[in-house]
C-alpha atoms as a PDB file:
ATOM      1  CA  MET A   1     -18.272  14.404   0.962  1.00  0.00           C
ATOM      2  CA  LEU A   2     -14.748  15.418  -0.031  1.00  0.00           C
ATOM      3  CA  THR A   3     -15.051  19.087   0.994  1.00  0.00           C
ATOM      4  CA  LYS A   4     -15.686  18.655   4.728  1.00  0.00           C
ATOM      5  CA  SER A   5     -12.957  19.972   6.995  1.00  0.00           C
ATOM      6  CA  ASP A   6     -13.492  16.951   9.253  1.00  0.00           C
ATOM      7  CA  TYR A   7     -13.344  14.555   6.302  1.00  0.00           C
ATOM      8  CA  THR A   8     -12.579  10.864   6.850  1.00  0.00           C
ATOM      9  CA  PHE A   9     -11.977   8.734   3.779  1.00  0.00           C
ATOM     10  CA  GLN A  10     -14.510   6.061   2.865  1.00  0.00           C
ATOM     11  CA  TRP A  11     -14.360   3.664  -0.072  1.00  0.00           C
ATOM     12  CA  GLU A  12     -17.494   5.192  -1.594  1.00  0.00           C
ATOM     13  CA  ASP A  13     -15.618   8.487  -2.007  1.00  0.00           C
ATOM     14  CA  LEU A  14     -13.767   6.943  -4.949  1.00  0.00           C
ATOM     15  CA  GLY A  15     -16.986   7.376  -6.910  1.00  0.00           C
ATOM     16  CA  ASP A  16     -18.313   5.460  -9.881  1.00  0.00           C
ATOM     17  CA  ILE A  17     -15.289   5.271 -12.142  1.00  0.00           C
ATOM     18  CA  THR A  18     -17.191   3.423 -14.881  1.00  0.00           C
ATOM     19  CA  GLU A  19     -19.761   6.206 -15.108  1.00  0.00           C
ATOM     20  CA  GLY A  20     -17.265   9.029 -14.681  1.00  0.00           C
ATOM     21  CA  ARG A  21     -14.678   7.718 -17.155  1.00  0.00           C
ATOM     22  CA  PRO A  22     -16.676   5.966 -19.881  1.00  0.00           C
ATOM     23  CA  ASN A  23     -13.940   6.527 -22.475  1.00  0.00           C
ATOM     24  CA  LEU A  24     -10.714   6.451 -20.446  1.00  0.00           C
ATOM     25  CA  GLY A  25     -11.766   3.705 -18.029  1.00  0.00           C
ATOM     26  CA  ASN A  26     -10.134   2.526 -14.836  1.00  0.00           C
ATOM     27  CA  LEU A  27      -6.477   2.507 -15.915  1.00  0.00           C
ATOM     28  CA  THR A  28      -3.844   5.216 -15.808  1.00  0.00           C
ATOM     29  CA  ASN A  29      -0.117   5.581 -16.353  1.00  0.00           C
ATOM     30  CA  VAL A  30       2.247   4.776 -13.444  1.00  0.00           C
ATOM     31  CA  ALA A  31       4.008   8.111 -13.968  1.00  0.00           C
ATOM     32  CA  THR A  32       0.698   9.895 -13.362  1.00  0.00           C
ATOM     33  CA  TYR A  33       0.198   8.060 -10.059  1.00  0.00           C
ATOM     34  CA  ARG A  34       3.774   8.808  -8.996  1.00  0.00           C
ATOM     35  CA  LEU A  35       3.425  12.450 -10.069  1.00  0.00           C
ATOM     36  CA  MET A  36       0.616  12.841  -7.528  1.00  0.00           C
ATOM     37  CA  GLN A  37       2.379  10.889  -4.791  1.00  0.00           C
ATOM     38  CA  TYR A  38       5.819  12.457  -5.055  1.00  0.00           C
ATOM     39  CA  SER A  39       4.627  16.031  -5.607  1.00  0.00           C
ATOM     40  CA  MET A  40       2.414  15.657  -2.530  1.00  0.00           C
ATOM     41  CA  ARG A  41       5.350  14.215  -0.579  1.00  0.00           C
ATOM     42  CA  SER A  42       7.486  17.194  -1.617  1.00  0.00           C
ATOM     43  CA  VAL A  43       4.909  19.779  -0.512  1.00  0.00           C
ATOM     44  CA  LEU A  44       4.266  17.966   2.777  1.00  0.00           C
ATOM     45  CA  ASN A  45       8.030  17.640   3.409  1.00  0.00           C
ATOM     46  CA  ASN A  46       8.374  21.413   3.043  1.00  0.00           C
ATOM     47  CA  HIS A  47       5.587  21.963   5.583  1.00  0.00           C
ATOM     48  CA  PHE A  48       6.156  19.179   8.121  1.00  0.00           C
ATOM     49  CA  GLY A  49       9.603  17.618   7.581  1.00  0.00           C
ATOM     50  CA  GLY A  50      10.544  14.210   6.263  1.00  0.00           C
ATOM     51  CA  GLU A  51       9.976  12.118   9.395  1.00  0.00           C
ATOM     52  CA  GLU A  52       6.471  13.463   9.938  1.00  0.00           C
ATOM     53  CA  VAL A  53       5.637  12.885   6.265  1.00  0.00           C
ATOM     54  CA  LYS A  54       6.774   9.249   6.547  1.00  0.00           C
ATOM     55  CA  LYS A  55       4.314   8.814   9.428  1.00  0.00           C
ATOM     56  CA  LEU A  56       1.524  10.524   7.499  1.00  0.00           C
ATOM     57  CA  PHE A  57       2.082   8.370   4.401  1.00  0.00           C
ATOM     58  CA  TYR A  58       2.095   5.247   6.602  1.00  0.00           C
ATOM     59  CA  GLN A  59      -1.195   6.314   8.210  1.00  0.00           C
ATOM     60  CA  ALA A  60      -2.756   7.094   4.822  1.00  0.00           C
ATOM     61  CA  GLY A  61      -1.603   3.734   3.499  1.00  0.00           C
ATOM     62  CA  GLU A  62      -3.042   1.965   6.535  1.00  0.00           C
ATOM     63  CA  LEU A  63      -6.433   3.618   6.042  1.00  0.00           C
ATOM     64  CA  ALA A  64      -6.320   2.747   2.329  1.00  0.00           C
ATOM     65  CA  GLY A  65      -5.306  -0.850   3.095  1.00  0.00           C
ATOM     66  CA  MET A  66      -8.185  -1.294   5.532  1.00  0.00           C
ATOM     67  CA  GLU A  67     -10.728   0.069   3.039  1.00  0.00           C
ATOM     68  CA  PHE A  68      -9.162  -1.956   0.215  1.00  0.00           C
ATOM     69  CA  CYS A  69      -9.377  -5.137   2.269  1.00  0.00           C
ATOM     70  CA  LYS A  70     -13.005  -4.512   3.297  1.00  0.00           C
ATOM     71  CA  ASN A  71     -14.162  -3.587  -0.202  1.00  0.00           C
ATOM     72  CA  VAL A  72     -12.018  -5.588  -2.624  1.00  0.00           C
ATOM     73  CA  LEU A  73     -10.681  -8.673  -0.847  1.00  0.00           C
ATOM     74  CA  ASN A  74     -12.426 -11.834   0.353  1.00  0.00           C
ATOM     75  CA  CYS A  75     -11.772 -12.023   4.097  1.00  0.00           C
ATOM     76  CA  GLU A  76     -13.743 -15.273   4.446  1.00  0.00           C
ATOM     77  CA  LEU A  77     -10.799 -17.347   3.179  1.00  0.00           C
ATOM     78  CA  ASP A  78      -8.239 -19.132   5.348  1.00  0.00           C
ATOM     79  CA  PHE A  79      -4.819 -17.475   5.598  1.00  0.00           C
ATOM     80  CA  TYR A  80      -3.217 -19.203   2.617  1.00  0.00           C
ATOM     81  CA  GLY A  81      -6.325 -18.786   0.469  1.00  0.00           C
ATOM     82  CA  PHE A  82      -6.414 -15.110   1.413  1.00  0.00           C
ATOM     83  CA  ILE A  83      -2.745 -14.608   0.503  1.00  0.00           C
ATOM     84  CA  SER A  84      -3.274 -16.335  -2.851  1.00  0.00           C
ATOM     85  CA  HIS A  85      -6.312 -14.117  -3.477  1.00  0.00           C
ATOM     86  CA  LEU A  86      -4.337 -11.011  -2.438  1.00  0.00           C
ATOM     87  CA  GLN A  87      -1.539 -11.967  -4.844  1.00  0.00           C
ATOM     88  CA  ASP A  88      -4.054 -12.288  -7.675  1.00  0.00           C
ATOM     89  CA  VAL A  89      -5.765  -8.969  -6.913  1.00  0.00           C
ATOM     90  CA  LEU A  90      -2.508  -7.012  -6.553  1.00  0.00           C
ATOM     91  CA  ARG A  91      -1.320  -8.410  -9.888  1.00  0.00           C
ATOM     92  CA  GLU A  92      -4.667  -7.803 -11.642  1.00  0.00           C
ATOM     93  CA  MET A  93      -4.789  -4.226 -10.354  1.00  0.00           C
ATOM     94  CA  LYS A  94      -1.155  -3.750 -11.376  1.00  0.00           C
ATOM     95  CA  ILE A  95      -0.094  -2.737  -7.853  1.00  0.00           C
ATOM     96  CA  GLY A  96       2.747  -5.248  -7.676  1.00  0.00           C
ATOM     97  CA  ILE A  97       3.729  -8.899  -7.683  1.00  0.00           C
ATOM     98  CA  LEU A  98       3.498 -10.264  -4.139  1.00  0.00           C
ATOM     99  CA  ARG A  99       5.491 -13.210  -2.824  1.00  0.00           C
ATOM    100  CA  ILE A 100       5.606 -14.523   0.744  1.00  0.00           C
ATOM    101  CA  GLU A 101       9.105 -15.397   1.964  1.00  0.00           C
ATOM    102  CA  LYS A 102       8.336 -16.253   5.580  1.00  0.00           C
ATOM    103  CA  THR A 103       5.141 -17.190   7.386  1.00  0.00           C
ATOM    104  CA  ASP A 104       4.906 -17.678  11.158  1.00  0.00           C
ATOM    105  CA  LEU A 105       1.203 -17.952  11.979  1.00  0.00           C
ATOM    106  CA  VAL A 106       1.890 -18.708  15.664  1.00  0.00           C
ATOM    107  CA  GLY A 107       4.048 -15.626  16.265  1.00  0.00           C
ATOM    108  CA  MET A 108       2.256 -13.595  13.576  1.00  0.00           C
ATOM    109  CA  ASN A 109       5.488 -12.629  11.794  1.00  0.00           C
ATOM    110  CA  PHE A 110       5.743 -12.510   8.024  1.00  0.00           C
ATOM    111  CA  THR A 111       8.177 -11.423   5.345  1.00  0.00           C
ATOM    112  CA  LEU A 112       6.578 -10.188   2.121  1.00  0.00           C
ATOM    113  CA  VAL A 113       8.286  -9.283  -1.130  1.00  0.00           C
ATOM    114  CA  VAL A 114       6.747  -7.040  -3.778  1.00  0.00           C
ATOM    115  CA  ALA A 115       8.288  -6.942  -7.241  1.00  0.00           C
ATOM    116  CA  GLU A 116       7.406  -4.254  -9.785  1.00  0.00           C
ATOM    117  CA  ASP A 117       6.082  -2.137  -6.927  1.00  0.00           C
ATOM    118  CA  LEU A 118       3.799   0.676  -8.059  1.00  0.00           C
ATOM    119  CA  ASP A 119       5.467   3.210  -5.759  1.00  0.00           C
ATOM    120  CA  CYS A 120       9.157   2.740  -6.438  1.00  0.00           C
ATOM    121  CA  SER A 121      10.287   0.189  -9.032  1.00  0.00           C
ATOM    122  CA  GLY A 122      12.560   2.044 -11.421  1.00  0.00           C
ATOM    123  CA  LEU A 123      13.258   5.042  -9.167  1.00  0.00           C
ATOM    124  CA  PRO A 124      16.786   6.435  -8.873  1.00  0.00           C
ATOM    125  CA  ILE A 125      18.865   4.990  -6.030  1.00  0.00           C
ATOM    126  CA  THR A 126      18.852   7.225  -2.952  1.00  0.00           C
ATOM    127  CA  ASP A 127      20.005   4.758  -0.272  1.00  0.00           C
ATOM    128  CA  GLU A 128      16.742   5.074   1.652  1.00  0.00           C
ATOM    129  CA  THR A 129      13.414   3.276   1.611  1.00  0.00           C
ATOM    130  CA  VAL A 130      10.500   5.256   0.182  1.00  0.00           C
ATOM    131  CA  CYS A 131       7.524   2.891   0.459  1.00  0.00           C
ATOM    132  CA  ASP A 132       5.990   4.355   3.627  1.00  0.00           C
ATOM    133  CA  TYR A 133       2.529   4.253   2.039  1.00  0.00           C
ATOM    134  CA  ASP A 134       3.028   0.581   1.122  1.00  0.00           C
ATOM    135  CA  GLU A 135       4.037  -0.214   4.716  1.00  0.00           C
ATOM    136  CA  GLY A 136       0.768   1.235   5.945  1.00  0.00           C
ATOM    137  CA  PHE A 137      -1.217  -0.383   3.127  1.00  0.00           C
ATOM    138  CA  ILE A 138       0.046  -3.831   4.115  1.00  0.00           C
ATOM    139  CA  ALA A 139      -0.571  -3.093   7.815  1.00  0.00           C
ATOM    140  CA  GLY A 140      -4.161  -2.078   7.021  1.00  0.00           C
ATOM    141  CA  ILE A 141      -4.841  -5.238   5.022  1.00  0.00           C
ATOM    142  CA  PHE A 142      -3.453  -7.458   7.781  1.00  0.00           C
ATOM    143  CA  LYS A 143      -5.363  -5.492  10.432  1.00  0.00           C
ATOM    144  CA  ILE A 144      -8.713  -6.137   8.757  1.00  0.00           C
ATOM    145  CA  PHE A 145      -8.030  -9.741   7.750  1.00  0.00           C
ATOM    146  CA  ILE A 146      -6.454 -10.943  11.024  1.00  0.00           C
ATOM    147  CA  GLN A 147      -8.263  -8.457  13.293  1.00  0.00           C
ATOM    148  CA  LYS A 148      -5.054  -7.385  15.062  1.00  0.00           C
ATOM    149  CA  ASP A 149      -2.732  -4.406  14.755  1.00  0.00           C
ATOM    150  CA  PHE A 150       0.509  -4.925  12.853  1.00  0.00           C
ATOM    151  CA  ASN A 151       3.763  -3.051  12.345  1.00  0.00           C
ATOM    152  CA  VAL A 152       5.188  -3.172   8.846  1.00  0.00           C
ATOM    153  CA  LYS A 153       8.726  -2.074   8.061  1.00  0.00           C
ATOM    154  CA  GLU A 154      10.322  -1.990   4.640  1.00  0.00           C
ATOM    155  CA  ILE A 155      13.792  -3.518   4.844  1.00  0.00           C
ATOM    156  CA  ASP A 156      14.701  -3.622   1.133  1.00  0.00           C
ATOM    157  CA  CYS A 157      13.617  -1.117  -1.516  1.00  0.00           C
ATOM    158  CA  TRP A 158      14.336  -0.423  -5.169  1.00  0.00           C
ATOM    159  CA  SER A 159      15.474   3.072  -4.196  1.00  0.00           C
ATOM    160  CA  LYS A 160      18.146   1.505  -1.954  1.00  0.00           C
ATOM    161  CA  GLY A 161      19.480  -0.481  -4.885  1.00  0.00           C
ATOM    162  CA  ASP A 162      17.421  -3.629  -4.333  1.00  0.00           C
ATOM    163  CA  ARG A 163      15.396  -5.132  -7.188  1.00  0.00           C
ATOM    164  CA  VAL A 164      12.317  -5.750  -4.990  1.00  0.00           C
ATOM    165  CA  CYS A 165      10.675  -4.272  -1.922  1.00  0.00           C
ATOM    166  CA  ARG A 166      10.806  -6.505   1.171  1.00  0.00           C
ATOM    167  CA  PHE A 167       8.598  -5.918   4.195  1.00  0.00           C
ATOM    168  CA  GLU A 168       8.753  -7.361   7.707  1.00  0.00           C
ATOM    169  CA  VAL A 169       5.266  -7.723   9.202  1.00  0.00           C
ATOM    170  CA  SER A 170       4.823  -8.305  12.941  1.00  0.00           C
ATOM    171  CA  LEU A 171       2.178  -7.897  15.633  1.00  0.00           C
ATOM    172  CA  ARG A 172       2.112  -4.438  17.180  1.00  0.00           C
END
């Protein structure tokens, strides 16, 4: 239930979109998504400060990534099959276009690139990364699939003047 003060997100809380939006369906405009995200970031920044908000967005992204992985992705695949499946799903859901630049399965270190990122592609340049939610989202997906905790750090971002978002993924 969304109104509990001790609320913890669960996938089921997203509801039945097909029933609830029989005419408008499952798609929305990117600006609408960003309107929610960046207005929330602004309000939270005013209450908690930028560094705390980065941590909160990372944590929210991690929770979302774990639920996304459990409910949308096929975790029965081998690593490369899973990554291929993840690429397909992220593209189909219009979240972004994922590419793997580096894979070290022994050391569990990866470099991922996301083009046309839902959170930032096309934003004005501010010389700082803004994809804290994406960092957590990726960490949550890897946590569920590999069953280990990961740190994810964005090293390139559209808002820093890059044309893609690049993430370093490593064991925590």
